[in-house]
Amino acid sequence: MADPERDEKAREPRRVGMREFRGNLAGFLRQTRQGASFLVMSHDQVLAEIRPPPGAEPPRRRAGALRGKIHLAPDFDTLPPDVLAAMEGEES
């Protein structure tokens, strides 16, 4: 079941200081593109509200965008003998 109070908090804009906003402008704009909203604050006063335009939809993920960029270790699915023995209930 969805918690309406939690959903409302998720929609509230996050408050950020002017210095933090200025220092990471590109990051905040990237998050805004994904649907996040921010209140830019200075001395407990709201200077600006940054939010996506009305009706804007977050960009869709491209299938296969990470293909070839993620690699697993060769022994990824091999358990160490002591862990395997513990899982099988054997004493070491």
C-alpha atoms as a PDB file:
ATOM      1  CA  MET A   1       0.000   0.000   0.000  1.00  0.00           C
ATOM      2  CA  ALA A   2       1.216   3.511  -0.793  1.00  0.00           C
ATOM      3  CA  ASP A   3       1.792   5.883   2.110  1.00  0.00           C
ATOM      4  CA  PRO A   4       0.233   9.256   1.117  1.00  0.00           C
ATOM      5  CA  GLU A   5       2.326  11.175   3.683  1.00  0.00           C
ATOM      6  CA  ARG A   6       5.539   9.640   2.354  1.00  0.00           C
ATOM      7  CA  ASP A   7       4.498  10.339  -1.265  1.00  0.00           C
ATOM      8  CA  GLU A   8       3.810  13.982  -0.353  1.00  0.00           C
ATOM      9  CA  LYS A   9       7.265  14.340   1.233  1.00  0.00           C
ATOM     10  CA  ALA A  10       8.861  12.833  -1.876  1.00  0.00           C
ATOM     11  CA  ARG A  11       7.237  15.603  -3.966  1.00  0.00           C
ATOM     12  CA  GLU A  12       8.424  18.413  -1.686  1.00  0.00           C
ATOM     13  CA  PRO A  13      11.347  20.336  -3.165  1.00  0.00           C
ATOM     14  CA  ARG A  14      14.703  19.697  -1.526  1.00  0.00           C
ATOM     15  CA  ARG A  15      16.250  22.776   0.092  1.00  0.00           C
ATOM     16  CA  VAL A  16      19.805  23.594  -0.978  1.00  0.00           C
ATOM     17  CA  GLY A  17      22.052  26.495  -0.069  1.00  0.00           C
ATOM     18  CA  MET A  18      23.146  28.999  -2.669  1.00  0.00           C
ATOM     19  CA  ARG A  19      26.794  27.986  -2.342  1.00  0.00           C
ATOM     20  CA  GLU A  20      25.976  24.274  -2.774  1.00  0.00           C
ATOM     21  CA  PHE A  21      23.737  25.018  -5.759  1.00  0.00           C
ATOM     22  CA  ARG A  22      26.332  27.207  -7.449  1.00  0.00           C
ATOM     23  CA  GLY A  23      29.050  24.624  -6.847  1.00  0.00           C
ATOM     24  CA  ASN A  24      27.101  21.779  -8.459  1.00  0.00           C
ATOM     25  CA  LEU A  25      24.799  23.507 -10.948  1.00  0.00           C
ATOM     26  CA  ALA A  26      25.174  20.813 -13.617  1.00  0.00           C
ATOM     27  CA  GLY A  27      24.317  18.069 -11.122  1.00  0.00           C
ATOM     28  CA  PHE A  28      21.187  19.870  -9.913  1.00  0.00           C
ATOM     29  CA  LEU A  29      20.022  20.497 -13.477  1.00  0.00           C
ATOM     30  CA  ARG A  30      20.585  16.823 -14.292  1.00  0.00           C
ATOM     31  CA  GLN A  31      18.428  15.836 -11.294  1.00  0.00           C
ATOM     32  CA  THR A  32      15.782  18.356 -12.363  1.00  0.00           C
ATOM     33  CA  ARG A  33      15.678  16.708 -15.779  1.00  0.00           C
ATOM     34  CA  GLN A  34      14.886  13.463 -13.920  1.00  0.00           C
ATOM     35  CA  GLY A  35      11.934  15.126 -12.132  1.00  0.00           C
ATOM     36  CA  ALA A  36      13.477  16.531  -8.911  1.00  0.00           C
ATOM     37  CA  SER A  37      12.657  19.992  -7.558  1.00  0.00           C
ATOM     38  CA  PHE A  38      14.838  22.287  -5.445  1.00  0.00           C
ATOM     39  CA  LEU A  39      14.447  25.439  -3.370  1.00  0.00           C
ATOM     40  CA  VAL A  40      17.607  27.524  -3.516  1.00  0.00           C
ATOM     41  CA  MET A  41      18.045  29.140  -0.094  1.00  0.00           C
ATOM     42  CA  SER A  42      20.105  31.965   1.376  1.00  0.00           C
ATOM     43  CA  HIS A  43      19.876  32.883   5.057  1.00  0.00           C
ATOM     44  CA  ASP A  44      16.640  30.839   5.433  1.00  0.00           C
ATOM     45  CA  GLN A  45      14.984  32.711   2.556  1.00  0.00           C
ATOM     46  CA  VAL A  46      13.924  31.110  -0.710  1.00  0.00           C
ATOM     47  CA  LEU A  47      15.760  32.721  -3.622  1.00  0.00           C
ATOM     48  CA  ALA A  48      14.510  30.461  -6.388  1.00  0.00           C
ATOM     49  CA  GLU A  49      12.583  27.297  -7.103  1.00  0.00           C
ATOM     50  CA  ILE A  50      14.114  24.966  -9.672  1.00  0.00           C
ATOM     51  CA  ARG A  51      11.726  22.379 -11.104  1.00  0.00           C
ATOM     52  CA  PRO A  52      10.991  20.623 -14.376  1.00  0.00           C
ATOM     53  CA  PRO A  53       8.603  22.443 -16.722  1.00  0.00           C
ATOM     54  CA  PRO A  54       4.909  21.480 -16.431  1.00  0.00           C
ATOM     55  CA  GLY A  55       4.094  18.346 -18.378  1.00  0.00           C
ATOM     56  CA  ALA A  56       7.729  17.355 -18.798  1.00  0.00           C
ATOM     57  CA  GLU A  57       8.409  13.643 -18.660  1.00  0.00           C
ATOM     58  CA  PRO A  58      11.708  12.216 -17.406  1.00  0.00           C
ATOM     59  CA  PRO A  59      13.857  10.815 -20.221  1.00  0.00           C
ATOM     60  CA  ARG A  60      13.453   7.121 -20.890  1.00  0.00           C
ATOM     61  CA  ARG A  61      16.299   4.721 -20.344  1.00  0.00           C
ATOM     62  CA  ARG A  62      17.908   3.289 -23.430  1.00  0.00           C
ATOM     63  CA  ALA A  63      18.106  -0.484 -23.478  1.00  0.00           C
ATOM     64  CA  GLY A  64      21.698  -1.680 -23.734  1.00  0.00           C
ATOM     65  CA  ALA A  65      23.218   1.707 -22.857  1.00  0.00           C
ATOM     66  CA  LEU A  66      25.691   0.026 -20.464  1.00  0.00           C
ATOM     67  CA  ARG A  67      26.557  -2.888 -22.744  1.00  0.00           C
ATOM     68  CA  GLY A  68      30.297  -3.541 -22.623  1.00  0.00           C
ATOM     69  CA  LYS A  69      30.827  -1.194 -19.671  1.00  0.00           C
ATOM     70  CA  ILE A  70      30.105  -3.620 -16.829  1.00  0.00           C
ATOM     71  CA  HIS A  71      32.417  -6.563 -16.246  1.00  0.00           C
ATOM     72  CA  LEU A  72      32.157  -9.344 -13.653  1.00  0.00           C
ATOM     73  CA  ALA A  73      35.143 -10.945 -12.019  1.00  0.00           C
ATOM     74  CA  PRO A  74      35.935 -14.419 -13.430  1.00  0.00           C
ATOM     75  CA  ASP A  75      35.265 -15.999 -10.042  1.00  0.00           C
ATOM     76  CA  PHE A  76      32.005 -14.081  -9.471  1.00  0.00           C
ATOM     77  CA  ASP A  77      29.824 -17.174  -9.043  1.00  0.00           C
ATOM     78  CA  THR A  78      32.394 -19.300  -7.155  1.00  0.00           C
ATOM     79  CA  LEU A  79      32.011 -19.544  -3.381  1.00  0.00           C
ATOM     80  CA  PRO A  80      35.031 -20.001  -1.138  1.00  0.00           C
ATOM     81  CA  PRO A  81      35.083 -23.540   0.340  1.00  0.00           C
ATOM     82  CA  ASP A  82      34.503 -22.372   3.938  1.00  0.00           C
ATOM     83  CA  VAL A  83      31.425 -20.334   2.959  1.00  0.00           C
ATOM     84  CA  LEU A  84      30.041 -23.232   0.918  1.00  0.00           C
ATOM     85  CA  ALA A  85      30.575 -25.632   3.843  1.00  0.00           C
ATOM     86  CA  ALA A  86      28.815 -23.244   6.225  1.00  0.00           C
ATOM     87  CA  MET A  87      25.847 -22.938   3.877  1.00  0.00           C
ATOM     88  CA  GLU A  88      25.575 -26.704   3.568  1.00  0.00           C
ATOM     89  CA  GLY A  89      25.650 -27.078   7.347  1.00  0.00           C
ATOM     90  CA  GLU A  90      29.039 -28.741   7.462  1.00  0.00           C
ATOM     91  CA  GLU A  91      31.474 -27.842  10.212  1.00  0.00           C
ATOM     92  CA  SER A  92      34.881 -26.630   9.115  1.00  0.00           C
END
